[in-house]
Amino acid sequence: MPNYNHGGGVVAYNGQKVIAPGAFKYKSPCPPSGRHTYEWTATAQTKKNGGALASARAARKYP
């Protein structure tokens, strides 16, 4: 389903280089049949106005 929400969350940036395990809720890909393309997006935003600073995306066929 193209718009199915598999999870996500918000992590405050305090200078850390690693996001702690469990910081996001996530449901793994589970296509009903055949191969599907899944896309992950991470966006850095300013706290002040919520404007996007940068974004990174990755896509992969599953299974």
PDB file of N, CA and C in Angstrom:
ATOM      1  N   MET A   1       0.850  -1.173   0.000  1.00  0.00           N
ATOM      2  CA  MET A   1       0.000   0.000   0.000  1.00  0.00           C
ATOM      3  C   MET A   1       0.900   1.243   0.000  1.00  0.00           C
ATOM      4  N   PRO A   2       0.809   2.097  -0.981  1.00  0.00           N
ATOM      5  CA  PRO A   2       1.741   3.214  -1.128  1.00  0.00           C
ATOM      6  C   PRO A   2       1.798   4.167   0.059  1.00  0.00           C
ATOM      7  N   ASN A   3       0.719   4.373   0.752  1.00  0.00           N
ATOM      8  CA  ASN A   3       0.709   5.353   1.830  1.00  0.00           C
ATOM      9  C   ASN A   3       0.619   4.716   3.215  1.00  0.00           C
ATOM     10  N   TYR A   4       0.983   3.465   3.341  1.00  0.00           N
ATOM     11  CA  TYR A   4       0.931   2.797   4.643  1.00  0.00           C
ATOM     12  C   TYR A   4       2.059   3.324   5.528  1.00  0.00           C
ATOM     13  N   ASN A   5       1.712   3.764   6.723  1.00  0.00           N
ATOM     14  CA  ASN A   5       2.701   4.309   7.650  1.00  0.00           C
ATOM     15  C   ASN A   5       3.349   3.164   8.427  1.00  0.00           C
ATOM     16  N   HIS A   6       4.631   2.950   8.198  1.00  0.00           N
ATOM     17  CA  HIS A   6       5.359   1.882   8.888  1.00  0.00           C
ATOM     18  C   HIS A   6       5.986   2.352  10.195  1.00  0.00           C
ATOM     19  N   GLY A   7       5.780   3.589  10.565  1.00  0.00           N
ATOM     20  CA  GLY A   7       6.321   4.079  11.833  1.00  0.00           C
ATOM     21  C   GLY A   7       7.138   5.333  11.633  1.00  0.00           C
ATOM     22  N   GLY A   8       7.955   5.626  12.629  1.00  0.00           N
ATOM     23  CA  GLY A   8       8.788   6.821  12.565  1.00  0.00           C
ATOM     24  C   GLY A   8       8.855   7.485  13.921  1.00  0.00           C
ATOM     25  N   GLY A   9       9.213   8.721  13.956  1.00  0.00           N
ATOM     26  CA  GLY A   9       9.296   9.440  15.208  1.00  0.00           C
ATOM     27  C   GLY A   9      10.154  10.674  15.082  1.00  0.00           C
ATOM     28  N   VAL A  10      10.375  11.317  16.215  1.00  0.00           N
ATOM     29  CA  VAL A  10      11.172  12.537  16.281  1.00  0.00           C
ATOM     30  C   VAL A  10      12.257  12.335  17.327  1.00  0.00           C
ATOM     31  N   VAL A  11      13.482  12.703  16.982  1.00  0.00           N
ATOM     32  CA  VAL A  11      14.605  12.610  17.916  1.00  0.00           C
ATOM     33  C   VAL A  11      15.249  13.988  17.996  1.00  0.00           C
ATOM     34  N   ALA A  12      15.331  14.521  19.200  1.00  0.00           N
ATOM     35  CA  ALA A  12      15.995  15.821  19.396  1.00  0.00           C
ATOM     36  C   ALA A  12      17.493  15.642  19.181  1.00  0.00           C
ATOM     37  N   TYR A  13      18.095  16.582  18.458  1.00  0.00           N
ATOM     38  CA  TYR A  13      19.527  16.524  18.204  1.00  0.00           C
ATOM     39  C   TYR A  13      20.258  17.326  19.266  1.00  0.00           C
ATOM     40  N   ASN A  14      21.143  16.640  19.970  1.00  0.00           N
ATOM     41  CA  ASN A  14      21.945  17.272  21.017  1.00  0.00           C
ATOM     42  C   ASN A  14      23.433  17.056  20.765  1.00  0.00           C
ATOM     43  N   GLY A  15      23.804  16.918  19.489  1.00  0.00           N
ATOM     44  CA  GLY A  15      25.196  16.708  19.141  1.00  0.00           C
ATOM     45  C   GLY A  15      25.586  15.242  19.034  1.00  0.00           C
ATOM     46  N   GLN A  16      24.644  14.328  19.286  1.00  0.00           N
ATOM     47  CA  GLN A  16      24.961  12.908  19.232  1.00  0.00           C
ATOM     48  C   GLN A  16      25.212  12.458  17.793  1.00  0.00           C
ATOM     49  N   LYS A  17      26.045  11.430  17.643  1.00  0.00           N
ATOM     50  CA  LYS A  17      26.360  10.899  16.317  1.00  0.00           C
ATOM     51  C   LYS A  17      25.554   9.651  16.003  1.00  0.00           C
ATOM     52  N   VAL A  18      24.902   9.076  17.008  1.00  0.00           N
ATOM     53  CA  VAL A  18      24.133   7.847  16.838  1.00  0.00           C
ATOM     54  C   VAL A  18      22.755   8.036  17.463  1.00  0.00           C
ATOM     55  N   ILE A  19      21.736   7.561  16.794  1.00  0.00           N
ATOM     56  CA  ILE A  19      20.389   7.569  17.354  1.00  0.00           C
ATOM     57  C   ILE A  19      20.226   6.288  18.159  1.00  0.00           C
ATOM     58  N   ALA A  20      19.776   6.414  19.376  1.00  0.00           N
ATOM     59  CA  ALA A  20      19.658   5.269  20.283  1.00  0.00           C
ATOM     60  C   ALA A  20      18.671   4.234  19.753  1.00  0.00           C
ATOM     61  N   PRO A  21      18.979   2.944  19.940  1.00  0.00           N
ATOM     62  CA  PRO A  21      18.032   1.892  19.551  1.00  0.00           C
ATOM     63  C   PRO A  21      16.696   2.116  20.260  1.00  0.00           C
ATOM     64  N   GLY A  22      15.614   1.881  19.551  1.00  0.00           N
ATOM     65  CA  GLY A  22      14.284   2.041  20.128  1.00  0.00           C
ATOM     66  C   GLY A  22      13.745   3.460  20.039  1.00  0.00           C
ATOM     67  N   ALA A  23      14.496   4.376  19.416  1.00  0.00           N
ATOM     68  CA  ALA A  23      14.055   5.767  19.317  1.00  0.00           C
ATOM     69  C   ALA A  23      12.847   5.906  18.386  1.00  0.00           C
ATOM     70  N   PHE A  24      12.687   4.982  17.461  1.00  0.00           N
ATOM     71  CA  PHE A  24      11.572   5.010  16.523  1.00  0.00           C
ATOM     72  C   PHE A  24      10.764   3.736  16.627  1.00  0.00           C
ATOM     73  N   LYS A  25       9.457   3.856  16.409  1.00  0.00           N
ATOM     74  CA  LYS A  25       8.610   2.672  16.259  1.00  0.00           C
ATOM     75  C   LYS A  25       8.654   2.325  14.775  1.00  0.00           C
ATOM     76  N   TYR A  26       8.733   1.037  14.459  1.00  0.00           N
ATOM     77  CA  TYR A  26       8.887   0.646  13.067  1.00  0.00           C
ATOM     78  C   TYR A  26       8.257  -0.715  12.832  1.00  0.00           C
ATOM     79  N   LYS A  27       7.473  -0.830  11.784  1.00  0.00           N
ATOM     80  CA  LYS A  27       6.910  -2.108  11.352  1.00  0.00           C
ATOM     81  C   LYS A  27       7.604  -2.460  10.048  1.00  0.00           C
ATOM     82  N   SER A  28       8.268  -3.601  10.031  1.00  0.00           N
ATOM     83  CA  SER A  28       9.057  -3.980   8.862  1.00  0.00           C
ATOM     84  C   SER A  28       8.179  -4.196   7.630  1.00  0.00           C
ATOM     85  N   PRO A  29       8.802  -4.160   6.443  1.00  0.00           N
ATOM     86  CA  PRO A  29       8.058  -4.392   5.213  1.00  0.00           C
ATOM     87  C   PRO A  29       7.374  -5.756   5.232  1.00  0.00           C
ATOM     88  N   CYS A  30       6.149  -5.795   4.767  1.00  0.00           N
ATOM     89  CA  CYS A  30       5.409  -7.059   4.696  1.00  0.00           C
ATOM     90  C   CYS A  30       4.469  -7.006   3.497  1.00  0.00           C
ATOM     91  N   PRO A  31       5.049  -7.061   2.283  1.00  0.00           N
ATOM     92  CA  PRO A  31       4.219  -6.956   1.088  1.00  0.00           C
ATOM     93  C   PRO A  31       3.216  -8.104   1.017  1.00  0.00           C
ATOM     94  N   PRO A  32       1.999  -7.823   0.556  1.00  0.00           N
ATOM     95  CA  PRO A  32       0.982  -8.859   0.470  1.00  0.00           C
ATOM     96  C   PRO A  32       1.337  -9.948  -0.541  1.00  0.00           C
ATOM     97  N   SER A  33       2.015  -9.582  -1.627  1.00  0.00           N
ATOM     98  CA  SER A  33       2.466 -10.561  -2.619  1.00  0.00           C
ATOM     99  C   SER A  33       3.448  -9.880  -3.563  1.00  0.00           C
ATOM    100  N   GLY A  34       4.381 -10.654  -4.076  1.00  0.00           N
ATOM    101  CA  GLY A  34       5.339 -10.112  -5.032  1.00  0.00           C
ATOM    102  C   GLY A  34       6.332  -9.145  -4.415  1.00  0.00           C
ATOM    103  N   ARG A  35       7.115  -8.498  -5.286  1.00  0.00           N
ATOM    104  CA  ARG A  35       8.122  -7.525  -4.842  1.00  0.00           C
ATOM    105  C   ARG A  35       7.520  -6.126  -4.818  1.00  0.00           C
ATOM    106  N   HIS A  36       7.896  -5.395  -3.817  1.00  0.00           N
ATOM    107  CA  HIS A  36       7.452  -4.014  -3.676  1.00  0.00           C
ATOM    108  C   HIS A  36       8.675  -3.152  -3.388  1.00  0.00           C
ATOM    109  N   THR A  37       8.606  -1.886  -3.763  1.00  0.00           N
ATOM    110  CA  THR A  37       9.682  -0.944  -3.454  1.00  0.00           C
ATOM    111  C   THR A  37       9.307  -0.171  -2.203  1.00  0.00           C
ATOM    112  N   TYR A  38      10.206  -0.182  -1.236  1.00  0.00           N
ATOM    113  CA  TYR A  38      10.015   0.567   0.004  1.00  0.00           C
ATOM    114  C   TYR A  38      11.001   1.718   0.026  1.00  0.00           C
ATOM    115  N   GLU A  39      10.549   2.875   0.495  1.00  0.00           N
ATOM    116  CA  GLU A  39      11.398   4.055   0.549  1.00  0.00           C
ATOM    117  C   GLU A  39      11.448   4.583   1.978  1.00  0.00           C
ATOM    118  N   TRP A  40      12.660   4.878   2.436  1.00  0.00           N
ATOM    119  CA  TRP A  40      12.878   5.440   3.766  1.00  0.00           C
ATOM    120  C   TRP A  40      13.355   6.869   3.588  1.00  0.00           C
ATOM    121  N   THR A  41      12.853   7.765   4.420  1.00  0.00           N
ATOM    122  CA  THR A  41      13.255   9.168   4.364  1.00  0.00           C
ATOM    123  C   THR A  41      13.578   9.664   5.770  1.00  0.00           C
ATOM    124  N   ALA A  42      14.684  10.354   5.907  1.00  0.00           N
ATOM    125  CA  ALA A  42      15.050  11.006   7.166  1.00  0.00           C
ATOM    126  C   ALA A  42      15.226  12.489   6.860  1.00  0.00           C
ATOM    127  N   THR A  43      14.616  13.342   7.680  1.00  0.00           N
ATOM    128  CA  THR A  43      14.685  14.776   7.461  1.00  0.00           C
ATOM    129  C   THR A  43      15.157  15.477   8.724  1.00  0.00           C
ATOM    130  N   ALA A  44      16.161  16.325   8.585  1.00  0.00           N
ATOM    131  CA  ALA A  44      16.624  17.162   9.691  1.00  0.00           C
ATOM    132  C   ALA A  44      15.857  18.476   9.606  1.00  0.00           C
ATOM    133  N   GLN A  45      15.243  18.875  10.731  1.00  0.00           N
ATOM    134  CA  GLN A  45      14.460  20.102  10.756  1.00  0.00           C
ATOM    135  C   GLN A  45      14.914  21.005  11.888  1.00  0.00           C
ATOM    136  N   THR A  46      14.696  22.296  11.708  1.00  0.00           N
ATOM    137  CA  THR A  46      14.998  23.228  12.784  1.00  0.00           C
ATOM    138  C   THR A  46      13.856  23.208  13.788  1.00  0.00           C
ATOM    139  N   LYS A  47      14.198  23.308  15.055  1.00  0.00           N
ATOM    140  CA  LYS A  47      13.172  23.346  16.087  1.00  0.00           C
ATOM    141  C   LYS A  47      12.423  24.677  16.051  1.00  0.00           C
ATOM    142  N   LYS A  48      13.144  25.721  15.682  1.00  0.00           N
ATOM    143  CA  LYS A  48      12.581  27.070  15.705  1.00  0.00           C
ATOM    144  C   LYS A  48      11.354  27.200  14.809  1.00  0.00           C
ATOM    145  N   ASN A  49      11.467  26.781  13.547  1.00  0.00           N
ATOM    146  CA  ASN A  49      10.329  26.959  12.641  1.00  0.00           C
ATOM    147  C   ASN A  49       9.935  25.685  11.897  1.00  0.00           C
ATOM    148  N   GLY A  50      10.568  24.572  12.211  1.00  0.00           N
ATOM    149  CA  GLY A  50      10.229  23.311  11.566  1.00  0.00           C
ATOM    150  C   GLY A  50      10.677  23.202  10.127  1.00  0.00           C
ATOM    151  N   GLY A  51      11.470  24.160   9.652  1.00  0.00           N
ATOM    152  CA  GLY A  51      11.952  24.126   8.272  1.00  0.00           C
ATOM    153  C   GLY A  51      12.958  23.008   8.068  1.00  0.00           C
ATOM    154  N   ALA A  52      12.899  22.361   6.930  1.00  0.00           N
ATOM    155  CA  ALA A  52      13.813  21.271   6.621  1.00  0.00           C
ATOM    156  C   ALA A  52      15.213  21.801   6.350  1.00  0.00           C
ATOM    157  N   LEU A  53      16.198  21.222   7.012  1.00  0.00           N
ATOM    158  CA  LEU A  53      17.600  21.568   6.787  1.00  0.00           C
ATOM    159  C   LEU A  53      18.215  20.672   5.732  1.00  0.00           C
ATOM    160  N   ALA A  54      17.898  19.389   5.816  1.00  0.00           N
ATOM    161  CA  ALA A  54      18.426  18.404   4.868  1.00  0.00           C
ATOM    162  C   ALA A  54      17.548  17.163   4.920  1.00  0.00           C
ATOM    163  N   SER A  55      17.607  16.383   3.859  1.00  0.00           N
ATOM    164  CA  SER A  55      16.812  15.164   3.786  1.00  0.00           C
ATOM    165  C   SER A  55      17.638  14.083   3.103  1.00  0.00           C
ATOM    166  N   ALA A  56      17.455  12.850   3.536  1.00  0.00           N
ATOM    167  CA  ALA A  56      18.142  11.707   2.921  1.00  0.00           C
ATOM    168  C   ALA A  56      17.104  10.627   2.637  1.00  0.00           C
ATOM    169  N   ARG A  57      17.232   9.985   1.488  1.00  0.00           N
ATOM    170  CA  ARG A  57      16.280   8.935   1.105  1.00  0.00           C
ATOM    171  C   ARG A  57      17.021   7.702   0.636  1.00  0.00           C
ATOM    172  N   ALA A  58      16.383   6.578   0.868  1.00  0.00           N
ATOM    173  CA  ALA A  58      16.901   5.303   0.348  1.00  0.00           C
ATOM    174  C   ALA A  58      15.698   4.480  -0.093  1.00  0.00           C
ATOM    175  N   ALA A  59      15.835   3.739  -1.174  1.00  0.00           N
ATOM    176  CA  ALA A  59      14.765   2.879  -1.671  1.00  0.00           C
ATOM    177  C   ALA A  59      15.329   1.492  -1.916  1.00  0.00           C
ATOM    178  N   ARG A  60      14.494   0.481  -1.671  1.00  0.00           N
ATOM    179  CA  ARG A  60      14.933  -0.898  -1.868  1.00  0.00           C
ATOM    180  C   ARG A  60      13.747  -1.778  -2.199  1.00  0.00           C
ATOM    181  N   LYS A  61      13.950  -2.718  -3.093  1.00  0.00           N
ATOM    182  CA  LYS A  61      12.932  -3.724  -3.398  1.00  0.00           C
ATOM    183  C   LYS A  61      12.905  -4.752  -2.284  1.00  0.00           C
ATOM    184  N   TYR A  62      11.699  -5.200  -1.925  1.00  0.00           N
ATOM    185  CA  TYR A  62      11.564  -6.191  -0.857  1.00  0.00           C
ATOM    186  C   TYR A  62      10.516  -7.184  -1.268  1.00  0.00           C
ATOM    187  N   PRO A  63      10.641  -8.432  -1.070  1.00  0.00           N
ATOM    188  CA  PRO A  63      11.826  -9.152  -0.620  1.00  0.00           C
ATOM    189  C   PRO A  63      12.820  -9.310  -1.731  1.00  0.00           C
TER     190      PRO A  63
END
